[in-house]
Amino acid sequence: MSPPVLEARAENAAFRKTILAAFRFMLLARLLDDKFAALYRAGKIHGGVFLGRGQEALSVSIGISLKKNDIFAPLIRDAAGRLAFGETVLDAVRTHMGSALGPMRGRDGNVHRGKPLEGSLPMISHLGAMISVVNGMLFARRLQNRHGTVGAASIGDGATSTGAFHEALNQAAVEKLPLVLVVADNQYAYSTPTSKQFACESLADRAIGYGVEVQNVDGTDLFACLKTLGEAVLRARHGGGPQMVVARLLRLCGHGEHDTADYVDPKLKNSPLGRDCLKAAEETLLRREWLDASTLASMRREVVREIDETVAQVQREPAPDPFAENWTAISCGHLAEGDEGNQGDNMPARKS
């Protein structure tokens, strides 16, 4: 067998392995979100619960395309991306349920969780604010002569109408930062349809105006998302400057669990945009025989068991005690006495 054929087979095998890993993260994120929704309705989660239903293919493609020491600023619907980037189910459940043993020690909202020292940023706002934070970290690394890393930031279509988005995108373009900006064009900024947000034909036009390379992708197609995001990350990593990816899809749930989403046009739900990316990926894997029904059922059982066991464990853990809290800022590199476990003990190592 000739070397090119062997290389092609090895490449296909690697891609197949990546696809299957991404699919499992998608399934894990979906079932974990379902568990959080149930706990919220049972009154066991305080604050908001925001699900990533319908955006898992795009989200997981970001997290799985990044490497250790890269930077990721996820949004409220990025459970799949967070998991693929290294967050554990235990950390996610602890944060949602307010455990004192979690990364936020039960003292902050569940969407603000993160571990900055490991490149996983707690979300400040979903309205474009995190782009400039990623820019700042990338510029700092440049000044420290730390090269070869990429920073990814997720935003929704509504955030592209904010000043924070335009200023940060312009800054990244001028400085030629290795930024990958991922826009989930999910048709609604909360309840405002895209027709009331922008008049350009595509959000990709906004990147072109700043001299930023941009790609459009079908956000319901896991294979397309992995390919497009993977290539964007490689271009950014190898000196191509900032990259923007616009994914068209539909949010298959309300803005949060408090929102019934009655404003969503039924025609959109029945359009290709309303396709469930998890179901579509499952059907493709079964059709290609990369996964069989038995393996899929076993995978689902394993995921359900992991989630249920984790929730049971966290329910036995202590709640935060304000009288014992030392209030060390999570972004601080110097941990307070007795707080050595606050930064990353539960984060699994990822391949570089």
Protein backbone atom coordinates (compact mmCIF):
# COMPACT_ATOMS: atom_id res chain seq x y z
CA MET A 1 0.00 0.00 0.00
CA SER A 2 1.45 3.39 -0.99
CA PRO A 3 2.36 6.05 1.64
CA PRO A 4 -0.34 8.53 0.45
CA VAL A 5 -3.03 5.87 0.93
CA LEU A 6 -1.70 5.04 4.39
CA GLU A 7 -1.64 8.73 5.31
CA ALA A 8 -5.21 9.16 4.07
CA ARG A 9 -6.38 6.20 6.11
CA ALA A 10 -4.60 7.50 9.22
CA GLU A 11 -6.16 10.93 8.71
CA ASN A 12 -9.62 9.41 8.31
CA ALA A 13 -9.11 7.32 11.46
CA ALA A 14 -8.08 10.42 13.42
CA PHE A 15 -11.08 12.37 12.15
CA ARG A 16 -13.39 9.49 13.04
CA LYS A 17 -11.95 9.42 16.57
CA THR A 18 -12.49 13.18 16.89
CA ILE A 19 -16.06 12.92 15.62
CA LEU A 20 -16.93 10.19 18.11
CA ALA A 21 -15.35 12.13 20.98
CA ALA A 22 -17.23 15.26 19.95
CA PHE A 23 -20.50 13.36 19.74
CA ARG A 24 -20.07 12.01 23.26
CA PHE A 25 -19.43 15.51 24.58
CA MET A 26 -22.59 16.66 22.79
CA LEU A 27 -24.61 13.85 24.35
CA LEU A 28 -23.11 14.56 27.77
CA ALA A 29 -23.91 18.27 27.45
CA ARG A 30 -27.49 17.62 26.34
CA LEU A 31 -28.27 15.17 29.14
CA LEU A 32 -26.52 17.36 31.70
CA ASP A 33 -28.61 20.32 30.55
CA ASP A 34 -31.74 18.18 30.85
CA LYS A 35 -30.73 17.31 34.43
CA PHE A 36 -30.16 20.98 35.28
CA ALA A 37 -33.58 21.85 33.86
CA ALA A 38 -35.20 19.18 36.04
CA LEU A 39 -33.30 20.35 39.14
CA TYR A 40 -34.31 23.95 38.42
CA ARG A 41 -37.97 23.01 38.18
CA ALA A 42 -37.61 21.09 41.45
CA GLY A 43 -36.30 24.22 43.17
CA LYS A 44 -32.82 22.78 43.71
CA ILE A 45 -30.98 25.33 41.55
CA HIS A 46 -31.20 29.02 42.37
CA GLY A 47 -30.73 31.72 39.77
CA GLY A 48 -31.08 31.06 36.05
CA VAL A 49 -30.54 27.92 34.02
CA PHE A 50 -29.57 28.41 30.38
CA LEU A 51 -29.50 25.46 28.03
CA GLY A 52 -27.42 24.87 24.92
CA ARG A 53 -30.04 22.74 23.16
CA GLY A 54 -29.50 23.08 19.42
CA GLN A 55 -26.02 24.62 19.69
CA GLU A 56 -24.01 21.63 20.86
CA ALA A 57 -22.42 20.89 17.48
CA LEU A 58 -21.02 24.40 17.18
CA SER A 59 -20.00 24.60 20.83
CA VAL A 60 -18.20 21.27 21.00
CA SER A 61 -16.30 22.12 17.82
CA ILE A 62 -14.76 25.13 19.55
CA GLY A 63 -13.66 23.31 22.68
CA ILE A 64 -12.32 20.23 20.92
CA SER A 65 -10.34 22.30 18.38
CA LEU A 66 -8.40 24.14 21.09
CA LYS A 67 -5.32 22.87 22.89
CA LYS A 68 -3.98 23.05 26.40
CA ASN A 69 -2.76 26.61 27.15
CA ASP A 70 -5.23 28.11 24.67
CA ILE A 71 -7.91 30.53 25.89
CA PHE A 72 -11.66 29.98 25.75
CA ALA A 73 -14.39 32.45 26.66
CA PRO A 74 -17.61 30.40 26.54
CA LEU A 75 -21.18 31.63 26.76
CA ILE A 76 -24.30 30.48 28.56
CA ARG A 77 -25.03 27.82 25.89
CA ASP A 78 -21.52 26.38 25.69
CA ALA A 79 -21.80 23.34 27.96
CA ALA A 80 -20.50 21.09 25.18
CA GLY A 81 -17.55 23.36 24.47
CA ARG A 82 -16.71 23.70 28.15
CA LEU A 83 -16.68 19.91 28.57
CA ALA A 84 -14.55 19.42 25.46
CA PHE A 85 -12.10 22.08 26.71
CA GLY A 86 -11.67 20.25 30.00
CA GLU A 87 -14.43 21.16 32.43
CA THR A 88 -15.60 18.21 34.49
CA VAL A 89 -19.19 17.21 35.12
CA LEU A 90 -18.38 17.52 38.81
CA ASP A 91 -17.38 21.18 38.50
CA ALA A 92 -20.46 21.98 36.41
CA VAL A 93 -22.84 20.33 38.88
CA ARG A 94 -21.12 21.84 41.91
CA THR A 95 -21.43 25.33 40.45
CA HIS A 96 -25.08 24.97 39.48
CA MET A 97 -26.03 23.51 42.86
CA GLY A 98 -23.98 25.95 44.92
CA SER A 99 -21.56 23.51 46.50
CA ALA A 100 -18.85 25.08 48.65
CA LEU A 101 -16.40 22.62 47.04
CA GLY A 102 -16.98 23.93 43.53
CA PRO A 103 -14.64 26.22 41.54
CA MET A 104 -16.73 29.27 42.56
CA ARG A 105 -17.17 27.91 46.10
CA GLY A 106 -20.92 28.42 45.83
CA ARG A 107 -20.63 32.19 45.94
CA ASP A 108 -21.47 33.22 42.37
CA GLY A 109 -23.92 32.50 39.56
CA ASN A 110 -23.47 29.30 37.58
CA VAL A 111 -22.70 31.01 34.26
CA HIS A 112 -19.69 32.83 35.73
CA ARG A 113 -17.69 29.71 36.45
CA GLY A 114 -14.21 29.28 35.06
CA LYS A 115 -10.51 28.83 35.83
CA PRO A 116 -8.58 31.76 34.36
CA LEU A 117 -5.15 30.33 35.18
CA GLU A 118 -5.99 27.42 32.87
CA GLY A 119 -7.41 29.58 30.08
CA SER A 120 -11.09 28.90 30.86
CA LEU A 121 -12.64 32.32 31.43
CA PRO A 122 -15.64 33.03 33.66
CA MET A 123 -18.22 34.87 31.60
CA ILE A 124 -18.65 38.57 32.41
CA SER A 125 -21.42 39.17 29.89
CA HIS A 126 -22.79 37.51 26.78
CA LEU A 127 -23.04 40.89 25.00
CA GLY A 128 -19.59 40.97 23.44
CA ALA A 129 -17.61 41.94 26.54
CA MET A 130 -15.50 38.78 26.56
CA ILE A 131 -13.90 39.45 23.17
CA SER A 132 -11.77 42.28 24.56
CA VAL A 133 -10.83 40.10 27.56
CA VAL A 134 -9.51 37.41 25.21
CA ASN A 135 -7.74 40.10 23.17
CA GLY A 136 -6.05 41.37 26.32
CA MET A 137 -4.84 37.91 27.29
CA LEU A 138 -3.52 37.25 23.80
CA PHE A 139 -1.72 40.61 23.72
CA ALA A 140 -0.22 39.93 27.16
CA ARG A 141 1.13 36.62 25.93
CA ARG A 142 2.65 38.36 22.93
CA LEU A 143 4.46 40.78 25.24
CA GLN A 144 5.70 37.77 27.24
CA ASN A 145 6.95 36.14 24.02
CA ARG A 146 4.48 33.29 24.51
CA HIS A 147 3.46 32.40 20.98
CA GLY A 148 1.49 29.62 19.32
CA THR A 149 -1.68 29.91 21.40
CA VAL A 150 -5.18 30.77 20.24
CA GLY A 151 -8.01 32.58 21.99
CA ALA A 152 -11.62 31.71 21.17
CA ALA A 153 -14.63 33.78 22.13
CA SER A 154 -18.29 32.82 21.67
CA ILE A 155 -21.05 35.34 21.06
CA GLY A 156 -24.61 35.33 19.80
CA ASP A 157 -26.06 37.27 16.89
CA GLY A 158 -27.39 39.97 19.22
CA ALA A 159 -23.91 40.72 20.55
CA THR A 160 -22.75 41.77 17.08
CA SER A 161 -24.92 44.88 17.49
CA THR A 162 -23.01 46.09 20.55
CA GLY A 163 -20.14 48.54 20.64
CA ALA A 164 -18.04 46.02 22.58
CA PHE A 165 -18.15 43.65 19.60
CA HIS A 166 -17.10 46.26 17.03
CA GLU A 167 -14.32 47.77 19.14
CA ALA A 168 -12.83 44.42 20.06
CA LEU A 169 -13.04 43.00 16.53
CA ASN A 170 -11.31 46.11 15.18
CA GLN A 171 -8.61 45.83 17.82
CA ALA A 172 -7.98 42.17 17.02
CA ALA A 173 -7.73 42.98 13.31
CA VAL A 174 -5.30 45.86 13.79
CA GLU A 175 -3.09 43.83 16.13
CA LYS A 176 -3.47 40.66 14.06
CA LEU A 177 -4.26 38.67 17.18
CA PRO A 178 -4.81 34.88 16.99
CA LEU A 179 -8.47 35.27 17.90
CA VAL A 180 -11.25 32.95 16.74
CA LEU A 181 -14.59 34.68 17.13
CA VAL A 182 -17.55 32.30 16.91
CA VAL A 183 -20.99 33.77 16.26
CA ALA A 184 -24.05 31.61 16.93
CA ASP A 185 -26.62 33.20 14.64
CA ASN A 186 -29.53 31.53 16.41
CA GLN A 187 -32.18 33.85 14.94
CA TYR A 188 -33.15 35.60 18.19
CA ALA A 189 -31.40 37.94 20.61
CA TYR A 190 -33.56 36.81 23.50
CA SER A 191 -36.91 37.58 21.81
CA THR A 192 -35.70 40.03 19.13
CA PRO A 193 -35.56 38.43 15.65
CA THR A 194 -32.55 39.00 13.43
CA SER A 195 -34.67 41.04 11.02
CA LYS A 196 -34.84 43.69 13.75
CA GLN A 197 -31.13 43.45 14.57
CA PHE A 198 -29.24 43.96 11.32
CA ALA A 199 -29.90 44.85 7.69
CA CYS A 200 -26.85 43.19 6.12
CA GLU A 201 -27.44 39.94 4.26
CA SER A 202 -25.11 38.01 6.54
CA LEU A 203 -23.26 38.72 9.77
CA ALA A 204 -20.15 37.70 7.87
CA ASP A 205 -20.28 41.14 6.24
CA ARG A 206 -19.36 42.69 9.57
CA ALA A 207 -16.06 40.79 9.66
CA ILE A 208 -15.23 41.76 6.08
CA GLY A 209 -15.63 45.42 7.01
CA TYR A 210 -12.77 45.08 9.50
CA GLY A 211 -10.52 43.03 7.24
CA VAL A 212 -11.13 39.83 9.18
CA GLU A 213 -11.27 36.45 7.44
CA VAL A 214 -14.69 34.88 7.92
CA GLN A 215 -16.43 31.59 7.18
CA ASN A 216 -20.11 30.64 7.23
CA VAL A 217 -21.15 27.20 8.46
CA ASP A 218 -24.29 25.17 9.01
CA GLY A 219 -24.50 25.14 12.80
CA THR A 220 -26.68 22.01 12.80
CA ASP A 221 -23.98 19.90 11.08
CA LEU A 222 -21.34 18.51 13.44
CA PHE A 223 -19.05 17.42 10.61
CA ALA A 224 -19.14 20.87 8.97
CA CYS A 225 -18.65 22.66 12.30
CA LEU A 226 -15.62 20.55 13.23
CA LYS A 227 -14.01 21.12 9.86
CA THR A 228 -14.67 24.87 9.76
CA LEU A 229 -13.67 25.58 13.37
CA GLY A 230 -10.64 23.32 13.16
CA GLU A 231 -9.37 25.17 10.09
CA ALA A 232 -10.08 28.58 11.64
CA VAL A 233 -8.09 27.67 14.76
CA LEU A 234 -5.17 26.45 12.63
CA ARG A 235 -5.12 29.66 10.56
CA ALA A 236 -5.12 31.78 13.71
CA ARG A 237 -2.43 29.64 15.34
CA HIS A 238 -0.12 29.92 12.35
CA GLY A 239 -0.20 33.69 11.89
CA GLY A 240 -3.38 34.17 9.88
CA GLY A 241 -4.72 36.82 12.23
CA PRO A 242 -8.24 36.90 13.67
CA GLN A 243 -10.84 34.53 12.26
CA MET A 244 -14.60 34.76 12.49
CA VAL A 245 -17.04 31.89 12.04
CA VAL A 246 -20.76 32.55 11.65
CA ALA A 247 -23.00 29.53 12.28
CA ARG A 248 -26.66 29.65 11.35
CA LEU A 249 -28.95 27.56 13.55
CA LEU A 250 -31.96 27.87 15.82
CA ARG A 251 -32.01 27.90 19.60
CA LEU A 252 -34.21 24.90 20.44
CA CYS A 253 -35.28 26.24 23.82
CA GLY A 254 -36.12 29.51 25.51
CA HIS A 255 -33.52 32.10 26.42
CA GLY A 256 -33.52 30.43 29.83
CA GLU A 257 -35.70 27.93 31.61
CA HIS A 258 -37.88 30.84 32.71
CA ASP A 259 -38.70 31.63 29.06
CA THR A 260 -41.36 29.72 27.08
CA ALA A 261 -40.08 31.09 23.73
CA ASP A 262 -43.61 31.64 22.39
CA TYR A 263 -42.19 34.33 20.12
CA VAL A 264 -40.30 31.85 17.91
CA ASP A 265 -41.78 31.61 14.42
CA PRO A 266 -43.13 28.06 13.86
CA LYS A 267 -41.82 28.23 10.29
CA LEU A 268 -38.28 28.45 11.65
CA LYS A 269 -38.81 25.40 13.81
CA ASN A 270 -39.84 23.43 10.71
CA SER A 271 -37.01 24.78 8.56
CA PRO A 272 -33.51 23.31 8.17
CA LEU A 273 -32.36 25.75 10.87
CA GLY A 274 -34.58 23.93 13.36
CA ARG A 275 -32.83 20.61 12.85
CA ASP A 276 -31.57 19.06 16.09
CA CYS A 277 -27.79 18.87 15.70
CA LEU A 278 -27.49 15.98 18.17
CA LYS A 279 -30.06 13.87 16.37
CA ALA A 280 -28.52 14.74 13.00
CA ALA A 281 -25.05 13.70 14.19
CA GLU A 282 -26.42 10.46 15.62
CA GLU A 283 -28.17 9.59 12.34
CA THR A 284 -25.01 10.29 10.34
CA LEU A 285 -22.83 8.17 12.60
CA LEU A 286 -25.28 5.26 12.42
CA ARG A 287 -25.57 5.57 8.65
CA ARG A 288 -21.79 5.56 8.22
CA GLU A 289 -21.56 2.63 10.67
CA TRP A 290 -19.13 4.58 12.84
CA LEU A 291 -21.54 3.83 15.69
CA ASP A 292 -24.10 1.09 16.15
CA ALA A 293 -27.33 1.07 18.15
CA SER A 294 -25.84 -1.08 20.92
CA THR A 295 -22.81 1.16 21.39
CA LEU A 296 -25.02 4.25 21.35
CA ALA A 297 -27.30 2.80 24.03
CA SER A 298 -24.30 1.87 26.16
CA MET A 299 -22.84 5.36 25.76
CA ARG A 300 -26.12 6.92 26.85
CA ARG A 301 -26.31 4.68 29.93
CA GLU A 302 -22.74 5.60 30.92
CA VAL A 303 -23.47 9.30 30.56
CA VAL A 304 -26.71 9.09 32.57
CA ARG A 305 -24.95 7.12 35.31
CA GLU A 306 -22.09 9.65 35.49
CA ILE A 307 -24.51 12.56 35.78
CA ASP A 308 -26.77 10.88 38.35
CA GLU A 309 -23.84 9.78 40.52
CA THR A 310 -22.32 13.26 40.37
CA VAL A 311 -25.58 14.96 41.35
CA ALA A 312 -26.01 12.53 44.24
CA GLN A 313 -22.49 13.31 45.43
CA VAL A 314 -22.94 17.07 45.23
CA GLN A 315 -26.24 16.93 47.09
CA ARG A 316 -24.27 15.59 50.08
CA GLU A 317 -21.69 18.39 49.95
CA PRO A 318 -21.74 21.49 52.16
CA ALA A 319 -23.24 24.82 51.16
CA PRO A 320 -21.06 27.95 51.44
CA ASP A 321 -20.64 29.50 54.87
CA PRO A 322 -20.34 33.31 54.67
CA PHE A 323 -18.69 33.42 58.09
CA ALA A 324 -15.90 31.12 56.95
CA GLU A 325 -15.41 32.63 53.47
CA ASN A 326 -12.14 34.49 52.87
CA TRP A 327 -13.40 35.97 49.54
CA THR A 328 -10.21 35.49 47.60
CA ALA A 329 -10.78 36.65 44.03
CA ILE A 330 -10.71 33.71 41.63
CA SER A 331 -8.65 35.73 39.14
CA CYS A 332 -5.89 36.24 41.72
CA GLY A 333 -2.79 34.15 41.18
CA HIS A 334 -1.99 34.12 44.91
CA LEU A 335 -4.37 31.85 46.78
CA ALA A 336 -5.38 32.57 50.32
CA GLU A 337 -4.29 30.28 53.15
CA GLY A 338 -6.31 27.09 53.10
CA ASP A 339 -7.55 27.74 49.55
CA GLU A 340 -4.95 25.76 47.61
CA GLY A 341 -7.62 23.65 45.91
CA ASN A 342 -9.45 26.56 44.32
CA GLN A 343 -7.61 26.56 41.02
CA GLY A 344 -7.97 23.54 38.82
CA ASP A 345 -7.54 20.43 40.95
CA ASN A 346 -10.49 18.82 39.18
CA MET A 347 -9.50 19.77 35.64
CA PRO A 348 -8.28 16.80 33.61
CA ALA A 349 -5.12 17.17 31.57
CA ARG A 350 -5.65 17.65 27.84
CA LYS A 351 -3.31 16.72 25.06
CA SER A 352 -1.16 19.57 23.81
